[in-house]
């Protein structure tokens, strides 16, 4: 039996995750990554961070990593949730199909 509900749930969940990431995740990922980058630059170069080229690159890389991490959480989390919901719907649908077939066998 094809797992059509599971596939549809996966695609719907991924779409919802992408839209949530676009609305919420980009700015929060940038902010969290920037704070982590500033903390790392402060540990490496001292607390009043002088914005040299290496410090700016470190902060930019951490901001990009924050956005990628937020994307992974939002998109993968919603896609997995949709796939699980679709799998549950598939199992319920297959159980109903089996009971209908059993009823038809009894009538025959």
PDB file of N, CA and C in Angstrom:
ATOM      1  N   UNK A   1       0.844  -1.185   0.000  1.00  0.00           N
ATOM      2  CA  UNK A   1       0.000   0.000   0.000  1.00  0.00           C
ATOM      3  C   UNK A   1       0.887   1.244   0.000  1.00  0.00           C
ATOM      4  N   UNK A   2       0.540   2.159  -0.855  1.00  0.00           N
ATOM      5  CA  UNK A   2       1.305   3.400  -0.898  1.00  0.00           C
ATOM      6  C   UNK A   2       1.006   4.238   0.339  1.00  0.00           C
ATOM      7  N   UNK A   3       2.004   4.944   0.784  1.00  0.00           N
ATOM      8  CA  UNK A   3       1.836   5.799   1.963  1.00  0.00           C
ATOM      9  C   UNK A   3       1.535   7.219   1.489  1.00  0.00           C
ATOM     10  N   UNK A   4       0.357   7.400   0.919  1.00  0.00           N
ATOM     11  CA  UNK A   4       0.033   8.690   0.322  1.00  0.00           C
ATOM     12  C   UNK A   4      -0.178   9.761   1.373  1.00  0.00           C
ATOM     13  N   UNK A   5      -0.837   9.425   2.452  1.00  0.00           N
ATOM     14  CA  UNK A   5      -1.068  10.431   3.489  1.00  0.00           C
ATOM     15  C   UNK A   5       0.239  10.862   4.144  1.00  0.00           C
ATOM     16  N   UNK A   6       1.161   9.920   4.308  1.00  0.00           N
ATOM     17  CA  UNK A   6       2.443  10.256   4.913  1.00  0.00           C
ATOM     18  C   UNK A   6       3.231  11.203   4.013  1.00  0.00           C
ATOM     19  N   UNK A   7       3.215  10.943   2.713  1.00  0.00           N
ATOM     20  CA  UNK A   7       3.926  11.834   1.788  1.00  0.00           C
ATOM     21  C   UNK A   7       3.283  13.212   1.740  1.00  0.00           C
ATOM     22  N   UNK A   8       1.960  13.251   1.688  1.00  0.00           N
ATOM     23  CA  UNK A   8       1.267  14.539   1.667  1.00  0.00           C
ATOM     24  C   UNK A   8       1.508  15.310   2.969  1.00  0.00           C
ATOM     25  N   UNK A   9       1.501  14.613   4.090  1.00  0.00           N
ATOM     26  CA  UNK A   9       1.777  15.249   5.370  1.00  0.00           C
ATOM     27  C   UNK A   9       3.185  15.801   5.440  1.00  0.00           C
ATOM     28  N   UNK A  10       4.134  15.065   4.842  1.00  0.00           N
ATOM     29  CA  UNK A  10       5.519  15.530   4.804  1.00  0.00           C
ATOM     30  C   UNK A  10       5.629  16.824   4.015  1.00  0.00           C
ATOM     31  N   UNK A  11       4.991  16.879   2.849  1.00  0.00           N
ATOM     32  CA  UNK A  11       5.065  18.083   2.015  1.00  0.00           C
ATOM     33  C   UNK A  11       4.343  19.264   2.654  1.00  0.00           C
ATOM     34  N   UNK A  12       3.194  19.020   3.243  1.00  0.00           N
ATOM     35  CA  UNK A  12       2.460  20.100   3.907  1.00  0.00           C
ATOM     36  C   UNK A  12       3.248  20.612   5.115  1.00  0.00           C
ATOM     37  N   UNK A  13       3.811  19.698   5.881  1.00  0.00           N
ATOM     38  CA  UNK A  13       4.614  20.098   7.032  1.00  0.00           C
ATOM     39  C   UNK A  13       5.843  20.890   6.629  1.00  0.00           C
ATOM     40  N   UNK A  14       6.488  20.486   5.549  1.00  0.00           N
ATOM     41  CA  UNK A  14       7.658  21.230   5.072  1.00  0.00           C
ATOM     42  C   UNK A  14       7.259  22.626   4.602  1.00  0.00           C
ATOM     43  N   UNK A  15       6.122  22.729   3.935  1.00  0.00           N
ATOM     44  CA  UNK A  15       5.641  24.049   3.498  1.00  0.00           C
ATOM     45  C   UNK A  15       5.327  24.956   4.674  1.00  0.00           C
ATOM     46  N   UNK A  16       4.691  24.402   5.683  1.00  0.00           N
ATOM     47  CA  UNK A  16       4.385  25.184   6.882  1.00  0.00           C
ATOM     48  C   UNK A  16       5.679  25.586   7.593  1.00  0.00           C
ATOM     49  N   UNK A  17       6.656  24.674   7.636  1.00  0.00           N
ATOM     50  CA  UNK A  17       7.935  24.978   8.264  1.00  0.00           C
ATOM     51  C   UNK A  17       8.688  26.076   7.538  1.00  0.00           C
ATOM     52  N   UNK A  18       8.638  26.069   6.200  1.00  0.00           N
ATOM     53  CA  UNK A  18       9.309  27.121   5.435  1.00  0.00           C
ATOM     54  C   UNK A  18       8.648  28.471   5.690  1.00  0.00           C
ATOM     55  N   UNK A  19       7.327  28.491   5.727  1.00  0.00           N
ATOM     56  CA  UNK A  19       6.657  29.772   5.970  1.00  0.00           C
ATOM     57  C   UNK A  19       6.909  30.271   7.391  1.00  0.00           C
ATOM     58  N   UNK A  20       6.922  29.384   8.372  1.00  0.00           N
ATOM     59  CA  UNK A  20       7.235  29.803   9.739  1.00  0.00           C
ATOM     60  C   UNK A  20       8.676  30.284   9.854  1.00  0.00           C
ATOM     61  N   UNK A  21       9.572  29.616   9.145  1.00  0.00           N
ATOM     62  CA  UNK A  21      10.971  30.054   9.155  1.00  0.00           C
ATOM     63  C   UNK A  21      11.097  31.439   8.539  1.00  0.00           C
ATOM     64  N   UNK A  22      10.368  31.680   7.458  1.00  0.00           N
ATOM     65  CA  UNK A  22      10.439  32.998   6.815  1.00  0.00           C
ATOM     66  C   UNK A  22       9.861  34.085   7.722  1.00  0.00           C
ATOM     67  N   UNK A  23       8.815  33.754   8.485  1.00  0.00           N
ATOM     68  CA  UNK A  23       8.182  34.752   9.343  1.00  0.00           C
ATOM     69  C   UNK A  23       8.937  34.975  10.654  1.00  0.00           C
ATOM     70  N   UNK A  24       9.445  33.910  11.245  1.00  0.00           N
ATOM     71  CA  UNK A  24       9.998  34.005  12.598  1.00  0.00           C
ATOM     72  C   UNK A  24      11.478  33.650  12.668  1.00  0.00           C
ATOM     73  N   UNK A  25      11.895  32.645  11.925  1.00  0.00           N
ATOM     74  CA  UNK A  25      13.204  32.043  12.132  1.00  0.00           C
ATOM     75  C   UNK A  25      14.388  32.844  11.655  1.00  0.00           C
ATOM     76  N   UNK A  26      14.226  33.617  10.596  1.00  0.00           N
ATOM     77  CA  UNK A  26      15.383  34.321  10.043  1.00  0.00           C
ATOM     78  C   UNK A  26      15.916  35.348  11.039  1.00  0.00           C
ATOM     79  N   UNK A  27      15.042  36.188  11.559  1.00  0.00           N
ATOM     80  CA  UNK A  27      15.504  37.228  12.483  1.00  0.00           C
ATOM     81  C   UNK A  27      16.001  36.655  13.804  1.00  0.00           C
ATOM     82  N   UNK A  28      15.309  35.641  14.308  1.00  0.00           N
ATOM     83  CA  UNK A  28      15.775  35.050  15.570  1.00  0.00           C
ATOM     84  C   UNK A  28      17.095  34.318  15.373  1.00  0.00           C
ATOM     85  N   UNK A  29      17.277  33.655  14.228  1.00  0.00           N
ATOM     86  CA  UNK A  29      18.554  33.000  13.945  1.00  0.00           C
ATOM     87  C   UNK A  29      19.689  33.992  13.821  1.00  0.00           C
ATOM     88  N   UNK A  30      19.428  35.127  13.169  1.00  0.00           N
ATOM     89  CA  UNK A  30      20.447  36.167  13.063  1.00  0.00           C
ATOM     90  C   UNK A  30      20.812  36.735  14.432  1.00  0.00           C
ATOM     91  N   UNK A  31      19.807  36.978  15.236  1.00  0.00           N
ATOM     92  CA  UNK A  31      20.053  37.563  16.558  1.00  0.00           C
ATOM     93  C   UNK A  31      20.831  36.610  17.462  1.00  0.00           C
ATOM     94  N   UNK A  32      20.398  35.364  17.511  1.00  0.00           N
ATOM     95  CA  UNK A  32      21.075  34.391  18.375  1.00  0.00           C
ATOM     96  C   UNK A  32      22.491  34.139  17.879  1.00  0.00           C
ATOM     97  N   UNK A  33      22.657  33.989  16.558  1.00  0.00           N
ATOM     98  CA  UNK A  33      24.000  33.790  16.002  1.00  0.00           C
ATOM     99  C   UNK A  33      24.901  34.990  16.235  1.00  0.00           C
ATOM    100  N   UNK A  34      24.349  36.197  16.142  1.00  0.00           N
ATOM    101  CA  UNK A  34      25.143  37.395  16.393  1.00  0.00           C
ATOM    102  C   UNK A  34      25.603  37.496  17.832  1.00  0.00           C
ATOM    103  N   UNK A  35      24.725  37.156  18.759  1.00  0.00           N
ATOM    104  CA  UNK A  35      25.110  37.193  20.174  1.00  0.00           C
ATOM    105  C   UNK A  35      26.196  36.164  20.459  1.00  0.00           C
ATOM    106  N   UNK A  36      26.052  34.971  19.886  1.00  0.00           N
ATOM    107  CA  UNK A  36      27.074  33.943  20.083  1.00  0.00           C
ATOM    108  C   UNK A  36      28.398  34.391  19.467  1.00  0.00           C
ATOM    109  N   UNK A  37      28.340  35.022  18.282  1.00  0.00           N
ATOM    110  CA  UNK A  37      29.554  35.531  17.653  1.00  0.00           C
ATOM    111  C   UNK A  37      30.223  36.619  18.470  1.00  0.00           C
ATOM    112  N   UNK A  38      29.435  37.507  19.052  1.00  0.00           N
ATOM    113  CA  UNK A  38      30.010  38.544  19.912  1.00  0.00           C
ATOM    114  C   UNK A  38      30.646  37.944  21.164  1.00  0.00           C
ATOM    115  N   UNK A  39      30.004  36.926  21.724  1.00  0.00           N
ATOM    116  CA  UNK A  39      30.589  36.262  22.902  1.00  0.00           C
ATOM    117  C   UNK A  39      31.917  35.601  22.539  1.00  0.00           C
ATOM    118  N   UNK A  40      31.949  34.913  21.383  1.00  0.00           N
ATOM    119  CA  UNK A  40      33.204  34.284  20.961  1.00  0.00           C
ATOM    120  C   UNK A  40      34.287  35.315  20.675  1.00  0.00           C
ATOM    121  N   UNK A  41      33.925  36.398  20.003  1.00  0.00           N
ATOM    122  CA  UNK A  41      34.902  37.449  19.726  1.00  0.00           C
ATOM    123  C   UNK A  41      35.389  38.087  21.027  1.00  0.00           C
ATOM    124  N   UNK A  42      34.500  38.238  21.992  1.00  0.00           N
ATOM    125  CA  UNK A  42      34.903  38.772  23.293  1.00  0.00           C
ATOM    126  C   UNK A  42      35.863  37.854  24.023  1.00  0.00           C
ATOM    127  N   UNK A  43      35.639  36.543  23.904  1.00  0.00           N
ATOM    128  CA  UNK A  43      36.557  35.593  24.540  1.00  0.00           C
ATOM    129  C   UNK A  43      37.924  35.583  23.855  1.00  0.00           C
ATOM    130  N   UNK A  44      37.922  35.721  22.540  1.00  0.00           N
ATOM    131  CA  UNK A  44      39.191  35.661  21.813  1.00  0.00           C
ATOM    132  C   UNK A  44      39.981  36.967  21.862  1.00  0.00           C
ATOM    133  N   UNK A  45      39.308  38.091  21.768  1.00  0.00           N
ATOM    134  CA  UNK A  45      39.993  39.379  21.622  1.00  0.00           C
ATOM    135  C   UNK A  45      39.840  40.308  22.822  1.00  0.00           C
ATOM    136  N   UNK A  46      39.119  39.915  23.831  1.00  0.00           N
ATOM    137  CA  UNK A  46      38.891  40.790  24.972  1.00  0.00           C
ATOM    138  C   UNK A  46      37.512  41.429  24.876  1.00  0.00           C
ATOM    139  N   UNK A  47      36.987  41.813  26.039  1.00  0.00           N
ATOM    140  CA  UNK A  47      35.599  42.249  26.112  1.00  0.00           C
ATOM    141  C   UNK A  47      35.310  43.527  25.323  1.00  0.00           C
ATOM    142  N   UNK A  48      35.991  44.593  25.422  1.00  0.00           N
ATOM    143  CA  UNK A  48      35.653  45.638  24.450  1.00  0.00           C
ATOM    144  C   UNK A  48      36.171  45.206  23.078  1.00  0.00           C
ATOM    145  N   UNK A  49      35.292  44.581  22.316  1.00  0.00           N
ATOM    146  CA  UNK A  49      35.685  43.983  21.042  1.00  0.00           C
ATOM    147  C   UNK A  49      36.012  45.077  20.038  1.00  0.00           C
ATOM    148  N   UNK A  50      37.236  45.037  19.542  1.00  0.00           N
ATOM    149  CA  UNK A  50      37.603  45.928  18.454  1.00  0.00           C
ATOM    150  C   UNK A  50      37.235  45.207  17.162  1.00  0.00           C
ATOM    151  N   UNK A  51      36.499  45.857  16.325  1.00  0.00           N
ATOM    152  CA  UNK A  51      35.961  45.194  15.150  1.00  0.00           C
ATOM    153  C   UNK A  51      36.985  45.132  14.031  1.00  0.00           C
ATOM    154  N   UNK A  52      37.900  44.207  14.215  1.00  0.00           N
ATOM    155  CA  UNK A  52      38.877  43.935  13.177  1.00  0.00           C
ATOM    156  C   UNK A  52      38.243  43.002  12.148  1.00  0.00           C
ATOM    157  N   UNK A  53      38.980  42.699  11.114  1.00  0.00           N
ATOM    158  CA  UNK A  53      38.442  41.867  10.040  1.00  0.00           C
ATOM    159  C   UNK A  53      38.098  40.474  10.542  1.00  0.00           C
ATOM    160  N   UNK A  54      38.969  39.879  11.369  1.00  0.00           N
ATOM    161  CA  UNK A  54      38.711  38.534  11.871  1.00  0.00           C
ATOM    162  C   UNK A  54      37.492  38.502  12.795  1.00  0.00           C
ATOM    163  N   UNK A  55      37.338  39.509  13.612  1.00  0.00           N
ATOM    164  CA  UNK A  55      36.174  39.560  14.506  1.00  0.00           C
ATOM    165  C   UNK A  55      34.882  39.686  13.703  1.00  0.00           C
ATOM    166  N   UNK A  56      34.896  40.502  12.655  1.00  0.00           N
ATOM    167  CA  UNK A  56      33.706  40.646  11.817  1.00  0.00           C
ATOM    168  C   UNK A  56      33.383  39.353  11.086  1.00  0.00           C
ATOM    169  N   UNK A  57      34.426  38.676  10.593  1.00  0.00           N
ATOM    170  CA  UNK A  57      34.197  37.399   9.913  1.00  0.00           C
ATOM    171  C   UNK A  57      33.641  36.372  10.883  1.00  0.00           C
ATOM    172  N   UNK A  58      34.158  36.335  12.106  1.00  0.00           N
ATOM    173  CA  UNK A  58      33.673  35.402  13.122  1.00  0.00           C
ATOM    174  C   UNK A  58      32.201  35.661  13.441  1.00  0.00           C
ATOM    175  N   UNK A  59      31.831  36.905  13.583  1.00  0.00           N
ATOM    176  CA  UNK A  59      30.439  37.251  13.879  1.00  0.00           C
ATOM    177  C   UNK A  59      29.539  36.906  12.693  1.00  0.00           C
ATOM    178  N   UNK A  60      29.993  37.189  11.473  1.00  0.00           N
ATOM    179  CA  UNK A  60      29.186  36.888  10.288  1.00  0.00           C
ATOM    180  C   UNK A  60      28.980  35.386  10.124  1.00  0.00           C
ATOM    181  N   UNK A  61      30.027  34.608  10.351  1.00  0.00           N
ATOM    182  CA  UNK A  61      29.909  33.151  10.235  1.00  0.00           C
ATOM    183  C   UNK A  61      28.954  32.608  11.286  1.00  0.00           C
ATOM    184  N   UNK A  62      29.016  33.129  12.487  1.00  0.00           N
ATOM    185  CA  UNK A  62      28.110  32.656  13.531  1.00  0.00           C
ATOM    186  C   UNK A  62      26.667  33.068  13.236  1.00  0.00           C
ATOM    187  N   UNK A  63      26.465  34.223  12.613  1.00  0.00           N
ATOM    188  CA  UNK A  63      25.111  34.626  12.232  1.00  0.00           C
ATOM    189  C   UNK A  63      24.561  33.706  11.141  1.00  0.00           C
ATOM    190  N   UNK A  64      25.400  33.341  10.183  1.00  0.00           N
ATOM    191  CA  UNK A  64      24.969  32.412   9.131  1.00  0.00           C
ATOM    192  C   UNK A  64      24.653  31.042   9.730  1.00  0.00           C
ATOM    193  N   UNK A  65      25.481  30.598  10.663  1.00  0.00           N
ATOM    194  CA  UNK A  65      25.222  29.317  11.326  1.00  0.00           C
ATOM    195  C   UNK A  65      23.925  29.364  12.131  1.00  0.00           C
ATOM    196  N   UNK A  66      23.628  30.508  12.740  1.00  0.00           N
ATOM    197  CA  UNK A  66      22.372  30.654  13.467  1.00  0.00           C
ATOM    198  C   UNK A  66      21.164  30.558  12.548  1.00  0.00           C
ATOM    199  N   UNK A  67      21.250  31.151  11.368  1.00  0.00           N
ATOM    200  CA  UNK A  67      20.139  31.080  10.407  1.00  0.00           C
ATOM    201  C   UNK A  67      19.970  29.655   9.896  1.00  0.00           C
ATOM    202  N   UNK A  68      21.086  28.970   9.607  1.00  0.00           N
ATOM    203  CA  UNK A  68      21.002  27.588   9.137  1.00  0.00           C
ATOM    204  C   UNK A  68      20.428  26.680  10.230  1.00  0.00           C
ATOM    205  N   UNK A  69      20.824  26.906  11.469  1.00  0.00           N
ATOM    206  CA  UNK A  69      20.269  26.124  12.573  1.00  0.00           C
ATOM    207  C   UNK A  69      18.791  26.360  12.771  1.00  0.00           C
ATOM    208  N   UNK A  70      18.360  27.612  12.663  1.00  0.00           N
ATOM    209  CA  UNK A  70      16.933  27.909  12.785  1.00  0.00           C
ATOM    210  C   UNK A  70      16.149  27.284  11.637  1.00  0.00           C
ATOM    211  N   UNK A  71      16.719  27.297  10.432  1.00  0.00           N
ATOM    212  CA  UNK A  71      16.052  26.670   9.286  1.00  0.00           C
ATOM    213  C   UNK A  71      15.893  25.170   9.513  1.00  0.00           C
ATOM    214  N   UNK A  72      16.934  24.539  10.031  1.00  0.00           N
ATOM    215  CA  UNK A  72      16.858  23.103  10.288  1.00  0.00           C
ATOM    216  C   UNK A  72      15.785  22.788  11.322  1.00  0.00           C
ATOM    217  N   UNK A  73      15.720  23.580  12.362  1.00  0.00           N
ATOM    218  CA  UNK A  73      14.731  23.324  13.414  1.00  0.00           C
ATOM    219  C   UNK A  73      13.313  23.524  12.888  1.00  0.00           C
ATOM    220  N   UNK A  74      13.064  24.640  12.217  1.00  0.00           N
ATOM    221  CA  UNK A  74      11.711  24.934  11.756  1.00  0.00           C
ATOM    222  C   UNK A  74      11.273  23.981  10.649  1.00  0.00           C
ATOM    223  N   UNK A  75      12.083  23.831   9.613  1.00  0.00           N
ATOM    224  CA  UNK A  75      11.658  23.059   8.447  1.00  0.00           C
ATOM    225  C   UNK A  75      11.630  21.565   8.757  1.00  0.00           C
ATOM    226  N   UNK A  76      12.699  21.036   9.334  1.00  0.00           N
ATOM    227  CA  UNK A  76      12.719  19.611   9.642  1.00  0.00           C
ATOM    228  C   UNK A  76      11.716  19.242  10.729  1.00  0.00           C
ATOM    229  N   UNK A  77      11.571  20.103  11.717  1.00  0.00           N
ATOM    230  CA  UNK A  77      10.600  19.814  12.773  1.00  0.00           C
ATOM    231  C   UNK A  77       9.176  19.748  12.260  1.00  0.00           C
ATOM    232  N   UNK A  78       8.798  20.706  11.430  1.00  0.00           N
ATOM    233  CA  UNK A  78       7.440  20.705  10.881  1.00  0.00           C
ATOM    234  C   UNK A  78       7.254  19.572   9.890  1.00  0.00           C
ATOM    235  N   UNK A  79       8.270  19.254   9.084  1.00  0.00           N
ATOM    236  CA  UNK A  79       8.156  18.165   8.116  1.00  0.00           C
ATOM    237  C   UNK A  79       8.021  16.816   8.818  1.00  0.00           C
ATOM    238  N   UNK A  80       8.787  16.595   9.859  1.00  0.00           N
ATOM    239  CA  UNK A  80       8.690  15.333  10.598  1.00  0.00           C
ATOM    240  C   UNK A  80       7.347  15.222  11.295  1.00  0.00           C
ATOM    241  N   UNK A  81       6.855  16.331  11.836  1.00  0.00           N
ATOM    242  CA  UNK A  81       5.538  16.320  12.471  1.00  0.00           C
ATOM    243  C   UNK A  81       4.442  15.998  11.456  1.00  0.00           C
ATOM    244  N   UNK A  82       4.519  16.585  10.265  1.00  0.00           N
ATOM    245  CA  UNK A  82       3.551  16.294   9.216  1.00  0.00           C
ATOM    246  C   UNK A  82       3.629  14.858   8.747  1.00  0.00           C
ATOM    247  N   UNK A  83       4.845  14.310   8.651  1.00  0.00           N
ATOM    248  CA  UNK A  83       5.004  12.923   8.232  1.00  0.00           C
ATOM    249  C   UNK A  83       4.416  11.967   9.268  1.00  0.00           C
ATOM    250  N   UNK A  84       4.628  12.271  10.553  1.00  0.00           N
ATOM    251  CA  UNK A  84       4.067  11.422  11.611  1.00  0.00           C
ATOM    252  C   UNK A  84       2.541  11.465  11.575  1.00  0.00           C
ATOM    253  N   UNK A  85       1.982  12.669  11.394  1.00  0.00           N
ATOM    254  CA  UNK A  85       0.522  12.782  11.308  1.00  0.00           C
ATOM    255  C   UNK A  85      -0.008  12.025  10.091  1.00  0.00           C
ATOM    256  N   UNK A  86       0.693  12.087   8.962  1.00  0.00           N
ATOM    257  CA  UNK A  86       0.282  11.344   7.777  1.00  0.00           C
ATOM    258  C   UNK A  86       0.397   9.843   7.967  1.00  0.00           C
ATOM    259  N   UNK A  87       1.416   9.397   8.679  1.00  0.00           N
ATOM    260  CA  UNK A  87       1.565   7.969   8.950  1.00  0.00           C
ATOM    261  C   UNK A  87       0.435   7.456   9.839  1.00  0.00           C
ATOM    262  N   UNK A  88       0.034   8.269  10.810  1.00  0.00           N
ATOM    263  CA  UNK A  88      -1.095   7.887  11.655  1.00  0.00           C
ATOM    264  C   UNK A  88      -2.368   7.808  10.815  1.00  0.00           C
ATOM    265  N   UNK A  89      -2.553   8.766   9.916  1.00  0.00           N
ATOM    266  CA  UNK A  89      -3.732   8.737   9.039  1.00  0.00           C
ATOM    267  C   UNK A  89      -3.687   7.529   8.111  1.00  0.00           C
ATOM    268  N   UNK A  90      -2.500   7.155   7.619  1.00  0.00           N
ATOM    269  CA  UNK A  90      -2.367   5.956   6.790  1.00  0.00           C
ATOM    270  C   UNK A  90      -2.754   4.702   7.553  1.00  0.00           C
ATOM    271  N   UNK A  91      -2.300   4.603   8.797  1.00  0.00           N
ATOM    272  CA  UNK A  91      -2.611   3.405   9.580  1.00  0.00           C
ATOM    273  C   UNK A  91      -4.097   3.328   9.901  1.00  0.00           C
ATOM    274  N   UNK A  92      -4.713   4.463  10.186  1.00  0.00           N
ATOM    275  CA  UNK A  92      -6.157   4.466  10.451  1.00  0.00           C
ATOM    276  C   UNK A  92      -6.919   4.103   9.185  1.00  0.00           C
ATOM    277  N   UNK A  93      -6.485   4.627   8.048  1.00  0.00           N
ATOM    278  CA  UNK A  93      -7.149   4.341   6.781  1.00  0.00           C
ATOM    279  C   UNK A  93      -7.006   2.864   6.407  1.00  0.00           C
ATOM    280  N   UNK A  94      -5.840   2.277   6.640  1.00  0.00           N
ATOM    281  CA  UNK A  94      -5.642   0.870   6.304  1.00  0.00           C
ATOM    282  C   UNK A  94      -6.458  -0.035   7.223  1.00  0.00           C
ATOM    283  N   UNK A  95      -6.611   0.340   8.499  1.00  0.00           N
ATOM    284  CA  UNK A  95      -7.440  -0.449   9.413  1.00  0.00           C
ATOM    285  C   UNK A  95      -8.896  -0.424   8.984  1.00  0.00           C
ATOM    286  N   UNK A  96      -9.384   0.736   8.535  1.00  0.00           N
ATOM    287  CA  UNK A  96     -10.768   0.817   8.065  1.00  0.00           C
ATOM    288  C   UNK A  96     -10.958  -0.004   6.799  1.00  0.00           C
ATOM    289  N   UNK A  97      -9.966   0.009   5.909  1.00  0.00           N
ATOM    290  CA  UNK A  97     -10.058  -0.775   4.676  1.00  0.00           C
ATOM    291  C   UNK A  97     -10.083  -2.267   4.992  1.00  0.00           C
ATOM    292  N   UNK A  98      -9.296  -2.695   5.982  1.00  0.00           N
ATOM    293  CA  UNK A  98      -9.287  -4.102   6.356  1.00  0.00           C
ATOM    294  C   UNK A  98     -10.620  -4.518   6.967  1.00  0.00           C
ATOM    295  N   UNK A  99     -11.238  -3.677   7.786  1.00  0.00           N
ATOM    296  CA  UNK A  99     -12.519  -4.042   8.380  1.00  0.00           C
ATOM    297  C   UNK A  99     -13.618  -4.086   7.322  1.00  0.00           C
ATOM    298  N   UNK A 100     -13.577  -3.215   6.319  1.00  0.00           N
ATOM    299  CA  UNK A 100     -14.562  -3.255   5.242  1.00  0.00           C
ATOM    300  C   UNK A 100     -14.396  -4.529   4.433  1.00  0.00           C
ATOM    301  N   UNK A 101     -13.151  -4.940   4.165  1.00  0.00           N
ATOM    302  CA  UNK A 101     -12.915  -6.180   3.432  1.00  0.00           C
ATOM    303  C   UNK A 101     -13.383  -7.375   4.242  1.00  0.00           C
ATOM    304  N   UNK A 102     -13.189  -7.345   5.571  1.00  0.00           N
ATOM    305  CA  UNK A 102     -13.645  -8.445   6.410  1.00  0.00           C
ATOM    306  C   UNK A 102     -15.163  -8.546   6.381  1.00  0.00           C
ATOM    307  N   UNK A 103     -15.860  -7.423   6.404  1.00  0.00           N
ATOM    308  CA  UNK A 103     -17.314  -7.420   6.346  1.00  0.00           C
ATOM    309  C   UNK A 103     -17.809  -7.956   5.010  1.00  0.00           C
ATOM    310  N   UNK A 104     -17.130  -7.648   3.925  1.00  0.00           N
ATOM    311  CA  UNK A 104     -17.533  -8.157   2.617  1.00  0.00           C
ATOM    312  C   UNK A 104     -17.300  -9.642   2.518  1.00  0.00           C
ATOM    313  N   UNK A 105     -16.248 -10.165   3.152  1.00  0.00           N
ATOM    314  CA  UNK A 105     -15.999 -11.603   3.149  1.00  0.00           C
ATOM    315  C   UNK A 105     -17.070 -12.345   3.940  1.00  0.00           C
ATOM    316  N   UNK A 106     -17.555 -11.740   5.033  1.00  0.00           N
ATOM    317  CA  UNK A 106     -18.589 -12.395   5.850  1.00  0.00           C
ATOM    318  C   UNK A 106     -19.910 -12.458   5.079  1.00  0.00           C
ATOM    319  N   UNK A 107     -20.254 -11.411   4.333  1.00  0.00           N
ATOM    320  CA  UNK A 107     -21.493 -11.387   3.565  1.00  0.00           C
ATOM    321  C   UNK A 107     -21.454 -12.405   2.427  1.00  0.00           C
ATOM    322  N   UNK A 108     -20.303 -12.656   1.887  1.00  0.00           N
ATOM    323  CA  UNK A 108     -20.199 -13.565   0.740  1.00  0.00           C
ATOM    324  C   UNK A 108     -20.209 -14.984   1.225  1.00  0.00           C
TER     325      UNK A 108
END
